[in-house]
Amino acid sequence: MTAGGRYVYQGMGASLRRPSPDRPLVVLAVDDEETRASYAYGLIATGFDVTTAGDTTVWRARAAGRPSIIVADVSEEGRDGWTPVQQFKRDPGTRDVPIVAVAAEVGAATRDRARREGCAAVCLKTCPPDVLASGLRAVLDHTTPSTSR
């Protein structure tokens, strides 16, 4: 469900509610619809507000308001998944927002590239949504208040 461009969720009945400034806003820049939906509903159920940027453009993230954190799929088929990360880091409205890269494989090369691109963390794309939520909370706990909202 969406309201004002954000997925909102409350309880098992998925009733609408207004997005809350007390809940961290996650931008999901993930093209794969199944993964995006799984992450969105899992994150919402664990206390996040979620908006999606399925086409991974910076303007979609900025239009969502000041995100607390961005989840970017860097292993998209047919294109360089790191390009959106670079766009987010260049844009004044999102450059200070922590980014968690999700990748099909998380080896040394992926971790090194994520570090070079300024990502706060990298996560295996197949991780369950509750594990992703825990990782996002850990990243947010290590950011200063001025960069986490």
Protein backbone atom coordinates (compact mmCIF):
# COMPACT_ATOMS: atom_id res chain seq x y z
CA MET A 1 0.00 0.00 0.00
CA THR A 2 1.15 3.51 -0.56
CA ALA A 3 0.22 6.87 0.85
CA GLY A 4 2.00 9.99 -0.23
CA GLY A 5 4.62 7.92 -2.04
CA ARG A 6 5.52 5.84 1.00
CA TYR A 7 4.56 2.34 1.94
CA VAL A 8 2.73 2.38 5.23
CA TYR A 9 1.79 -0.58 7.35
CA GLN A 10 0.19 -1.15 10.70
CA GLY A 11 -0.36 -4.63 12.06
CA MET A 12 -1.31 -7.75 10.15
CA GLY A 13 -4.35 -6.03 8.57
CA ALA A 14 -2.07 -3.67 6.61
CA SER A 15 -4.27 -0.71 7.46
CA LEU A 16 -3.22 2.73 6.27
CA ARG A 17 -1.64 5.19 8.67
CA ARG A 18 0.27 8.41 8.19
CA PRO A 19 4.06 8.11 7.87
CA SER A 20 5.70 9.01 11.16
CA PRO A 21 8.72 11.26 11.71
CA ASP A 22 9.65 8.87 14.53
CA ARG A 23 10.19 6.00 12.11
CA PRO A 24 13.37 6.03 10.00
CA LEU A 25 12.67 6.54 6.29
CA VAL A 26 14.35 3.96 4.05
CA VAL A 27 14.67 4.48 0.32
CA LEU A 28 14.78 1.13 -1.47
CA ALA A 29 16.64 1.56 -4.77
CA VAL A 30 16.02 -2.02 -5.88
CA ASP A 31 14.77 -2.85 -9.38
CA ASP A 32 13.74 -6.44 -8.72
CA GLU A 33 10.05 -6.20 -7.80
CA GLU A 34 9.95 -9.36 -5.67
CA THR A 35 12.99 -8.36 -3.62
CA ARG A 36 11.73 -4.78 -3.29
CA ALA A 37 8.31 -5.94 -2.02
CA SER A 38 9.84 -8.43 0.41
CA TYR A 39 12.21 -5.84 1.84
CA ALA A 40 9.52 -3.13 1.95
CA TYR A 41 7.02 -5.18 3.91
CA GLY A 42 9.69 -6.64 6.19
CA LEU A 43 11.14 -3.23 6.98
CA ILE A 44 7.73 -1.69 7.55
CA ALA A 45 6.82 -4.50 9.93
CA THR A 46 9.99 -3.83 11.94
CA GLY A 47 9.50 -0.10 12.43
CA PHE A 48 10.65 1.68 9.28
CA ASP A 49 8.80 3.83 6.78
CA VAL A 50 9.74 2.83 3.24
CA THR A 51 9.65 4.51 -0.13
CA THR A 52 10.92 2.91 -3.29
CA ALA A 53 13.08 4.20 -6.09
CA GLY A 54 12.77 1.20 -8.37
CA ASP A 55 14.40 3.05 -11.21
CA THR A 56 17.19 4.05 -8.80
CA THR A 57 17.12 7.74 -9.58
CA VAL A 58 18.23 10.36 -7.10
CA TRP A 59 15.19 12.57 -7.65
CA ARG A 60 12.88 9.82 -6.42
CA ALA A 61 14.86 9.60 -3.20
CA ARG A 62 14.83 13.35 -2.71
CA ALA A 63 11.12 13.58 -3.50
CA ALA A 64 10.48 11.14 -0.66
CA GLY A 65 11.75 13.64 1.89
CA ARG A 66 14.99 13.42 3.80
CA PRO A 67 15.71 9.69 3.94
CA SER A 68 17.41 8.23 6.98
CA ILE A 69 19.14 5.54 4.94
CA ILE A 70 19.28 4.21 1.37
CA VAL A 71 19.37 0.56 0.34
CA ALA A 72 20.85 0.22 -3.16
CA ASP A 73 20.99 -2.95 -5.22
CA VAL A 74 24.42 -2.97 -6.85
CA SER A 75 24.02 -6.30 -8.64
CA GLU A 76 21.36 -5.44 -11.18
CA GLU A 77 21.57 -7.34 -14.45
CA GLY A 78 22.39 -5.44 -17.60
CA ARG A 79 23.86 -2.33 -15.98
CA ASP A 80 26.37 -1.04 -13.49
CA GLY A 81 24.58 -1.13 -10.16
CA TRP A 82 27.16 1.21 -8.63
CA THR A 83 25.99 4.15 -10.76
CA PRO A 84 23.03 4.98 -8.48
CA VAL A 85 25.33 4.85 -5.43
CA GLN A 86 27.61 7.36 -7.16
CA GLN A 87 24.59 9.55 -8.02
CA PHE A 88 23.36 9.49 -4.42
CA LYS A 89 26.83 10.42 -3.16
CA ARG A 90 27.18 13.32 -5.63
CA ASP A 91 23.77 14.82 -4.92
CA PRO A 92 23.74 17.47 -2.15
CA GLY A 93 20.36 16.19 -0.91
CA THR A 94 21.53 12.61 -0.38
CA ARG A 95 25.33 12.69 -0.15
CA ASP A 96 25.35 12.46 3.67
CA VAL A 97 22.70 9.74 3.84
CA PRO A 98 24.21 6.34 4.69
CA ILE A 99 23.93 3.77 1.92
CA VAL A 100 23.76 0.01 2.39
CA ALA A 101 24.62 -1.88 -0.78
CA VAL A 102 22.87 -5.18 -1.43
CA ALA A 103 24.67 -7.54 -3.76
CA ALA A 104 24.20 -11.02 -5.20
CA GLU A 105 27.70 -11.92 -3.99
CA VAL A 106 29.54 -10.37 -1.09
CA GLY A 107 33.18 -11.18 -1.53
CA ALA A 108 36.28 -9.11 -0.90
CA ALA A 109 35.93 -7.26 -4.22
CA THR A 110 32.34 -6.21 -3.45
CA ARG A 111 33.23 -5.09 0.07
CA ASP A 112 36.22 -3.12 -1.23
CA ARG A 113 34.13 -1.44 -3.94
CA ALA A 114 31.39 -0.60 -1.43
CA ARG A 115 33.98 1.03 0.82
CA ARG A 116 35.45 3.01 -2.10
CA GLU A 117 31.99 4.19 -3.16
CA GLY A 118 31.21 5.41 0.36
CA CYS A 119 28.73 2.75 1.42
CA ALA A 120 28.22 2.28 5.14
CA ALA A 121 27.70 -1.48 4.76
CA VAL A 122 27.09 -4.25 2.27
CA CYS A 123 24.54 -7.04 2.60
CA LEU A 124 23.85 -10.23 0.68
CA LYS A 125 20.79 -9.69 -1.51
CA THR A 126 19.23 -12.93 -0.28
CA CYS A 127 19.32 -11.89 3.38
CA PRO A 128 15.93 -12.03 5.09
CA PRO A 129 14.21 -8.66 5.67
CA ASP A 130 14.59 -8.91 9.47
CA VAL A 131 18.36 -9.32 9.05
CA LEU A 132 18.43 -6.31 6.72
CA ALA A 133 16.41 -4.33 9.29
CA SER A 134 18.92 -5.20 12.03
CA GLY A 135 21.77 -4.12 9.78
CA LEU A 136 20.08 -0.83 8.94
CA ARG A 137 19.49 -0.11 12.63
CA ALA A 138 23.16 -0.83 13.35
CA VAL A 139 24.22 1.63 10.63
CA LEU A 140 21.78 4.26 11.89
CA ASP A 141 23.02 3.77 15.47
CA HIS A 142 26.54 4.63 14.26
CA THR A 143 25.59 7.83 12.40
CA THR A 144 25.29 11.24 13.96
CA PRO A 145 21.81 12.72 14.40
CA SER A 146 22.47 15.28 11.66
CA THR A 147 23.03 12.55 9.05
CA SER A 148 20.46 10.01 10.15
CA ARG A 149 17.32 12.09 9.50
